[in-house]
Amino acid sequence: MMAAQDTTSELLTNALFLLARHPSYWDQLRAEFVDIPEDRLSAEKLMGSSLIANILHETLRLHPIFPLLGRLALRDTVLPVGGGPNHGRPIFVQKGSMVVLAYYALHRNRSVFGDDIDEFRPERWNSIKPEQWEFMGSGGGNRARLGQKKATVEAAFVLARLAQSIGTLESRDSQDWKGELKLTCKSANGCKVAMY
């Protein structure tokens, strides 16, 4: 089991990085929340916003906080799917083999997310419904991120409050997003934005 305290801040950093480069989504976020009093920003209200949910899902799709998950087979085993030409057959994993799940690659599956997989387009989530193991922004199964709902609500609240207070969000960074992989993956260059 692994727990980290910085998942919310990394999710927010990545979301603001993307929103600063795509101001139309910031404008939409602002329009949705600018007139809602702070005491009305309940978890239900925030999680009921398809715009915030789509922004956070798209951020996690493009920049997963946990981009890799590796496991060492302690005994010979058979995974139920992954083998054969269509990857639907069982696959043998020999004892001592390292199995690595690459969420970064998983989230760029054109058959699930469309041909524009490298673009930040939150509205794609209005028409796609990935299966359980096709999108793993917070892991999956028994090993899903422990504080998934907490981190999502916190990130949604901060985005809504910022949208209420800040009219313009501008990028001050001309570099592409670059990951720094340690316990989690974060932006190696931080998030350089101006807020007006």
C-alpha atoms as a PDB file:
ATOM      1  CA  MET A   1       0.000   0.000   0.000  1.00  0.00           C
ATOM      2  CA  MET A   2       1.238   3.466  -0.820  1.00  0.00           C
ATOM      3  CA  ALA A   3      -0.247   6.808   0.151  1.00  0.00           C
ATOM      4  CA  ALA A   4       0.929  10.261  -0.857  1.00  0.00           C
ATOM      5  CA  GLN A   5      -0.093  13.705   0.377  1.00  0.00           C
ATOM      6  CA  ASP A   6       0.685  15.615  -2.805  1.00  0.00           C
ATOM      7  CA  THR A   7      -1.800  14.056  -5.226  1.00  0.00           C
ATOM      8  CA  THR A   8      -4.274  16.946  -4.892  1.00  0.00           C
ATOM      9  CA  SER A   9      -1.611  19.601  -5.435  1.00  0.00           C
ATOM     10  CA  GLU A  10      -0.214  17.725  -8.431  1.00  0.00           C
ATOM     11  CA  LEU A  11      -3.686  17.332  -9.932  1.00  0.00           C
ATOM     12  CA  LEU A  12      -4.335  21.071  -9.458  1.00  0.00           C
ATOM     13  CA  THR A  13      -0.923  22.034 -10.850  1.00  0.00           C
ATOM     14  CA  ASN A  14      -1.532  19.975 -13.971  1.00  0.00           C
ATOM     15  CA  ALA A  15      -5.116  21.243 -14.368  1.00  0.00           C
ATOM     16  CA  LEU A  16      -4.041  24.892 -14.068  1.00  0.00           C
ATOM     17  CA  PHE A  17      -1.165  24.272 -16.479  1.00  0.00           C
ATOM     18  CA  LEU A  18      -3.662  22.967 -19.062  1.00  0.00           C
ATOM     19  CA  LEU A  19      -6.378  25.554 -18.352  1.00  0.00           C
ATOM     20  CA  ALA A  20      -3.897  28.419 -18.739  1.00  0.00           C
ATOM     21  CA  ARG A  21      -3.091  27.121 -22.227  1.00  0.00           C
ATOM     22  CA  HIS A  22      -6.763  26.610 -23.109  1.00  0.00           C
ATOM     23  CA  PRO A  23      -8.528  29.770 -21.874  1.00  0.00           C
ATOM     24  CA  SER A  24     -11.940  28.877 -23.305  1.00  0.00           C
ATOM     25  CA  TYR A  25     -12.306  26.183 -20.620  1.00  0.00           C
ATOM     26  CA  TRP A  26     -11.336  28.679 -17.940  1.00  0.00           C
ATOM     27  CA  ASP A  27     -14.046  31.012 -19.256  1.00  0.00           C
ATOM     28  CA  GLN A  28     -16.600  28.171 -19.097  1.00  0.00           C
ATOM     29  CA  LEU A  29     -15.536  27.298 -15.559  1.00  0.00           C
ATOM     30  CA  ARG A  30     -15.791  30.921 -14.518  1.00  0.00           C
ATOM     31  CA  ALA A  31     -19.238  31.300 -16.078  1.00  0.00           C
ATOM     32  CA  GLU A  32     -20.499  28.238 -14.212  1.00  0.00           C
ATOM     33  CA  PHE A  33     -19.242  29.242 -10.761  1.00  0.00           C
ATOM     34  CA  VAL A  34     -18.788  33.024 -10.610  1.00  0.00           C
ATOM     35  CA  ASP A  35     -22.234  33.722  -9.143  1.00  0.00           C
ATOM     36  CA  ILE A  36     -22.445  30.793  -6.698  1.00  0.00           C
ATOM     37  CA  PRO A  37     -21.823  31.785  -3.058  1.00  0.00           C
ATOM     38  CA  GLU A  38     -18.944  29.953  -1.366  1.00  0.00           C
ATOM     39  CA  ASP A  39     -21.276  28.329   1.188  1.00  0.00           C
ATOM     40  CA  ARG A  40     -23.184  26.722  -1.714  1.00  0.00           C
ATOM     41  CA  LEU A  41     -20.110  24.907  -3.024  1.00  0.00           C
ATOM     42  CA  SER A  42     -20.980  21.550  -1.476  1.00  0.00           C
ATOM     43  CA  ALA A  43     -19.258  18.336  -2.496  1.00  0.00           C
ATOM     44  CA  GLU A  44     -22.467  17.301  -4.259  1.00  0.00           C
ATOM     45  CA  LYS A  45     -22.631  20.574  -6.217  1.00  0.00           C
ATOM     46  CA  LEU A  46     -18.961  20.344  -7.209  1.00  0.00           C
ATOM     47  CA  MET A  47     -19.101  16.677  -8.191  1.00  0.00           C
ATOM     48  CA  GLY A  48     -22.350  17.330 -10.049  1.00  0.00           C
ATOM     49  CA  SER A  49     -20.542  19.699 -12.388  1.00  0.00           C
ATOM     50  CA  SER A  50     -19.774  17.816 -15.583  1.00  0.00           C
ATOM     51  CA  LEU A  51     -17.362  20.603 -16.564  1.00  0.00           C
ATOM     52  CA  ILE A  52     -15.172  20.183 -13.465  1.00  0.00           C
ATOM     53  CA  ALA A  53     -15.397  16.386 -13.677  1.00  0.00           C
ATOM     54  CA  ASN A  54     -14.410  16.497 -17.355  1.00  0.00           C
ATOM     55  CA  ILE A  55     -11.485  18.859 -16.686  1.00  0.00           C
ATOM     56  CA  LEU A  56     -10.171  16.648 -13.884  1.00  0.00           C
ATOM     57  CA  HIS A  57     -10.635  13.421 -15.863  1.00  0.00           C
ATOM     58  CA  GLU A  58      -8.905  14.912 -18.888  1.00  0.00           C
ATOM     59  CA  THR A  59      -6.057  16.187 -16.704  1.00  0.00           C
ATOM     60  CA  LEU A  60      -5.591  12.729 -15.177  1.00  0.00           C
ATOM     61  CA  ARG A  61      -5.803  11.139 -18.617  1.00  0.00           C
ATOM     62  CA  LEU A  62      -3.043  13.315 -20.041  1.00  0.00           C
ATOM     63  CA  HIS A  63      -0.874  13.525 -16.924  1.00  0.00           C
ATOM     64  CA  PRO A  64      -1.582  10.608 -14.580  1.00  0.00           C
ATOM     65  CA  ILE A  65      -0.159  11.194 -11.112  1.00  0.00           C
ATOM     66  CA  PHE A  66       0.763   7.521 -10.912  1.00  0.00           C
ATOM     67  CA  PRO A  67       1.788   6.799 -14.542  1.00  0.00           C
ATOM     68  CA  LEU A  68       3.303   3.369 -13.905  1.00  0.00           C
ATOM     69  CA  LEU A  69       2.482   0.412 -11.708  1.00  0.00           C
ATOM     70  CA  GLY A  70       4.923  -2.492 -11.563  1.00  0.00           C
ATOM     71  CA  ARG A  71       4.494  -5.891  -9.980  1.00  0.00           C
ATOM     72  CA  LEU A  72       6.842  -8.856  -9.693  1.00  0.00           C
ATOM     73  CA  ALA A  73       5.222 -12.281 -10.147  1.00  0.00           C
ATOM     74  CA  LEU A  74       5.967 -14.241  -6.980  1.00  0.00           C
ATOM     75  CA  ARG A  75       4.690 -17.459  -8.576  1.00  0.00           C
ATOM     76  CA  ASP A  76       3.650 -18.707 -11.993  1.00  0.00           C
ATOM     77  CA  THR A  77       0.246 -17.264 -12.721  1.00  0.00           C
ATOM     78  CA  VAL A  78      -2.240 -16.666 -15.508  1.00  0.00           C
ATOM     79  CA  LEU A  79      -3.811 -13.272 -16.149  1.00  0.00           C
ATOM     80  CA  PRO A  80      -7.386 -13.629 -17.446  1.00  0.00           C
ATOM     81  CA  VAL A  81      -6.859 -11.350 -20.478  1.00  0.00           C
ATOM     82  CA  GLY A  82      -3.993  -9.799 -22.385  1.00  0.00           C
ATOM     83  CA  GLY A  83      -2.949 -12.653 -24.651  1.00  0.00           C
ATOM     84  CA  GLY A  84      -3.771 -13.534 -28.227  1.00  0.00           C
ATOM     85  CA  PRO A  85      -4.136 -11.275 -31.256  1.00  0.00           C
ATOM     86  CA  ASN A  86      -7.026  -9.306 -29.736  1.00  0.00           C
ATOM     87  CA  HIS A  87      -5.643  -9.381 -26.177  1.00  0.00           C
ATOM     88  CA  GLY A  88      -8.774 -11.141 -24.953  1.00  0.00           C
ATOM     89  CA  ARG A  89      -7.203 -14.481 -24.099  1.00  0.00           C
ATOM     90  CA  PRO A  90      -5.432 -15.505 -20.908  1.00  0.00           C
ATOM     91  CA  ILE A  91      -1.719 -14.827 -20.700  1.00  0.00           C
ATOM     92  CA  PHE A  92       0.886 -16.790 -18.744  1.00  0.00           C
ATOM     93  CA  VAL A  93       3.208 -14.841 -16.442  1.00  0.00           C
ATOM     94  CA  GLN A  94       6.228 -16.767 -15.250  1.00  0.00           C
ATOM     95  CA  LYS A  95       7.489 -16.469 -11.669  1.00  0.00           C
ATOM     96  CA  GLY A  96      10.072 -13.679 -11.454  1.00  0.00           C
ATOM     97  CA  SER A  97       8.611 -11.715 -14.377  1.00  0.00           C
ATOM     98  CA  MET A  98       8.050  -7.999 -13.949  1.00  0.00           C
ATOM     99  CA  VAL A  99       4.638  -6.816 -15.135  1.00  0.00           C
ATOM    100  CA  VAL A 100       4.324  -3.060 -15.673  1.00  0.00           C
ATOM    101  CA  LEU A 101       1.068  -1.241 -16.253  1.00  0.00           C
ATOM    102  CA  ALA A 102       1.663   2.054 -18.075  1.00  0.00           C
ATOM    103  CA  TYR A 103      -1.311   4.338 -17.421  1.00  0.00           C
ATOM    104  CA  TYR A 104       0.264   6.987 -19.616  1.00  0.00           C
ATOM    105  CA  ALA A 105       0.038   4.615 -22.612  1.00  0.00           C
ATOM    106  CA  LEU A 106      -3.332   3.198 -21.539  1.00  0.00           C
ATOM    107  CA  HIS A 107      -4.832   6.705 -21.566  1.00  0.00           C
ATOM    108  CA  ARG A 108      -3.733   7.238 -25.155  1.00  0.00           C
ATOM    109  CA  ASN A 109      -5.721   4.370 -26.618  1.00  0.00           C
ATOM    110  CA  ARG A 110      -7.274   5.806 -29.787  1.00  0.00           C
ATOM    111  CA  SER A 111     -10.092   3.269 -29.802  1.00  0.00           C
ATOM    112  CA  VAL A 112     -11.246   4.600 -26.416  1.00  0.00           C
ATOM    113  CA  PHE A 113     -10.289   8.297 -26.450  1.00  0.00           C
ATOM    114  CA  GLY A 114     -10.330   9.207 -30.153  1.00  0.00           C
ATOM    115  CA  ASP A 115      -7.647  10.244 -32.607  1.00  0.00           C
ATOM    116  CA  ASP A 116      -6.788  13.502 -30.817  1.00  0.00           C
ATOM    117  CA  ILE A 117      -5.315  11.682 -27.817  1.00  0.00           C
ATOM    118  CA  ASP A 118      -2.580  14.233 -27.137  1.00  0.00           C
ATOM    119  CA  GLU A 119      -4.957  17.198 -27.008  1.00  0.00           C
ATOM    120  CA  PHE A 120      -6.627  18.630 -23.906  1.00  0.00           C
ATOM    121  CA  ARG A 121     -10.307  18.333 -24.759  1.00  0.00           C
ATOM    122  CA  PRO A 122     -12.461  17.888 -21.635  1.00  0.00           C
ATOM    123  CA  GLU A 123     -15.683  17.658 -23.633  1.00  0.00           C
ATOM    124  CA  ARG A 124     -14.602  14.236 -24.925  1.00  0.00           C
ATOM    125  CA  TRP A 125     -15.870  12.890 -21.572  1.00  0.00           C
ATOM    126  CA  ASN A 126     -19.439  13.861 -22.550  1.00  0.00           C
ATOM    127  CA  SER A 127     -19.454  11.155 -25.205  1.00  0.00           C
ATOM    128  CA  ILE A 128     -17.008   8.495 -23.998  1.00  0.00           C
ATOM    129  CA  LYS A 129     -17.480   6.023 -21.181  1.00  0.00           C
ATOM    130  CA  PRO A 130     -14.249   4.061 -20.721  1.00  0.00           C
ATOM    131  CA  GLU A 131     -14.555   0.618 -19.167  1.00  0.00           C
ATOM    132  CA  GLN A 132     -13.123   0.055 -15.682  1.00  0.00           C
ATOM    133  CA  TRP A 133      -9.655  -0.907 -16.930  1.00  0.00           C
ATOM    134  CA  GLU A 134      -9.495   1.573 -19.864  1.00  0.00           C
ATOM    135  CA  PHE A 135      -9.132   4.690 -17.724  1.00  0.00           C
ATOM    136  CA  MET A 136      -7.300   4.473 -14.424  1.00  0.00           C
ATOM    137  CA  GLY A 137      -6.784   8.069 -13.336  1.00  0.00           C
ATOM    138  CA  SER A 138      -6.924   6.879  -9.726  1.00  0.00           C
ATOM    139  CA  GLY A 139      -5.829   3.300 -10.194  1.00  0.00           C
ATOM    140  CA  GLY A 140      -8.332   0.500 -10.108  1.00  0.00           C
ATOM    141  CA  GLY A 141      -9.705  -2.453  -8.215  1.00  0.00           C
ATOM    142  CA  ASN A 142      -8.324  -3.186  -4.750  1.00  0.00           C
ATOM    143  CA  ARG A 143      -5.392  -0.865  -5.380  1.00  0.00           C
ATOM    144  CA  ALA A 144      -7.315   2.261  -6.348  1.00  0.00           C
ATOM    145  CA  ARG A 145      -6.046   5.485  -4.812  1.00  0.00           C
ATOM    146  CA  LEU A 146      -7.160   5.631  -1.181  1.00  0.00           C
ATOM    147  CA  GLY A 147      -8.045   9.322  -1.114  1.00  0.00           C
ATOM    148  CA  GLN A 148      -9.533   9.462  -4.607  1.00  0.00           C
ATOM    149  CA  LYS A 149     -12.814  11.142  -3.663  1.00  0.00           C
ATOM    150  CA  LYS A 150     -11.150  13.470  -1.146  1.00  0.00           C
ATOM    151  CA  ALA A 151      -8.536  14.638  -3.664  1.00  0.00           C
ATOM    152  CA  THR A 152     -11.157  15.106  -6.379  1.00  0.00           C
ATOM    153  CA  VAL A 153     -13.488  17.165  -4.171  1.00  0.00           C
ATOM    154  CA  GLU A 154     -10.579  19.289  -2.900  1.00  0.00           C
ATOM    155  CA  ALA A 155      -9.334  19.930  -6.437  1.00  0.00           C
ATOM    156  CA  ALA A 156     -12.862  20.759  -7.633  1.00  0.00           C
ATOM    157  CA  PHE A 157     -13.344  23.206  -4.734  1.00  0.00           C
ATOM    158  CA  VAL A 158     -10.062  25.011  -5.420  1.00  0.00           C
ATOM    159  CA  LEU A 159     -10.825  25.281  -9.149  1.00  0.00           C
ATOM    160  CA  ALA A 160     -14.313  26.634  -8.441  1.00  0.00           C
ATOM    161  CA  ARG A 161     -13.030  29.196  -5.900  1.00  0.00           C
ATOM    162  CA  LEU A 162     -10.252  30.319  -8.238  1.00  0.00           C
ATOM    163  CA  ALA A 163     -12.758  30.667 -11.077  1.00  0.00           C
ATOM    164  CA  GLN A 164     -14.933  32.837  -8.825  1.00  0.00           C
ATOM    165  CA  SER A 165     -12.017  35.143  -7.985  1.00  0.00           C
ATOM    166  CA  ILE A 166      -9.829  35.241 -11.071  1.00  0.00           C
ATOM    167  CA  GLY A 167     -11.039  36.513 -14.413  1.00  0.00           C
ATOM    168  CA  THR A 168      -8.054  35.567 -16.524  1.00  0.00           C
ATOM    169  CA  LEU A 169      -5.561  32.729 -16.288  1.00  0.00           C
ATOM    170  CA  GLU A 170      -2.554  33.052 -18.624  1.00  0.00           C
ATOM    171  CA  SER A 171       0.351  30.710 -19.210  1.00  0.00           C
ATOM    172  CA  ARG A 172       3.832  32.093 -18.532  1.00  0.00           C
ATOM    173  CA  ASP A 173       5.602  28.983 -19.747  1.00  0.00           C
ATOM    174  CA  SER A 174       6.391  28.189 -23.365  1.00  0.00           C
ATOM    175  CA  GLN A 175       7.749  24.716 -22.603  1.00  0.00           C
ATOM    176  CA  ASP A 176       5.799  21.512 -23.110  1.00  0.00           C
ATOM    177  CA  TRP A 177       4.703  19.666 -19.990  1.00  0.00           C
ATOM    178  CA  LYS A 178       7.558  17.523 -18.728  1.00  0.00           C
ATOM    179  CA  GLY A 179       7.082  14.872 -16.076  1.00  0.00           C
ATOM    180  CA  GLU A 180       9.323  14.222 -13.110  1.00  0.00           C
ATOM    181  CA  LEU A 181       8.844  10.674 -11.842  1.00  0.00           C
ATOM    182  CA  LYS A 182       9.558   9.965  -8.189  1.00  0.00           C
ATOM    183  CA  LEU A 183       6.955   8.386  -5.907  1.00  0.00           C
ATOM    184  CA  THR A 184       4.380  10.163  -8.065  1.00  0.00           C
ATOM    185  CA  CYS A 185       4.727  12.007 -11.358  1.00  0.00           C
ATOM    186  CA  LYS A 186       4.616  15.779 -11.225  1.00  0.00           C
ATOM    187  CA  SER A 187       5.451  18.649 -13.539  1.00  0.00           C
ATOM    188  CA  ALA A 188       9.227  19.070 -13.589  1.00  0.00           C
ATOM    189  CA  ASN A 189       8.824  22.767 -14.457  1.00  0.00           C
ATOM    190  CA  GLY A 190       5.980  23.554 -12.081  1.00  0.00           C
ATOM    191  CA  CYS A 191       3.059  25.679 -13.199  1.00  0.00           C
ATOM    192  CA  LYS A 192       3.952  29.183 -14.323  1.00  0.00           C
ATOM    193  CA  VAL A 193       0.736  31.148 -14.745  1.00  0.00           C
ATOM    194  CA  ALA A 194      -0.453  34.707 -14.284  1.00  0.00           C
ATOM    195  CA  MET A 195      -3.823  35.351 -12.665  1.00  0.00           C
ATOM    196  CA  TYR A 196      -5.775  38.575 -13.148  1.00  0.00           C
END
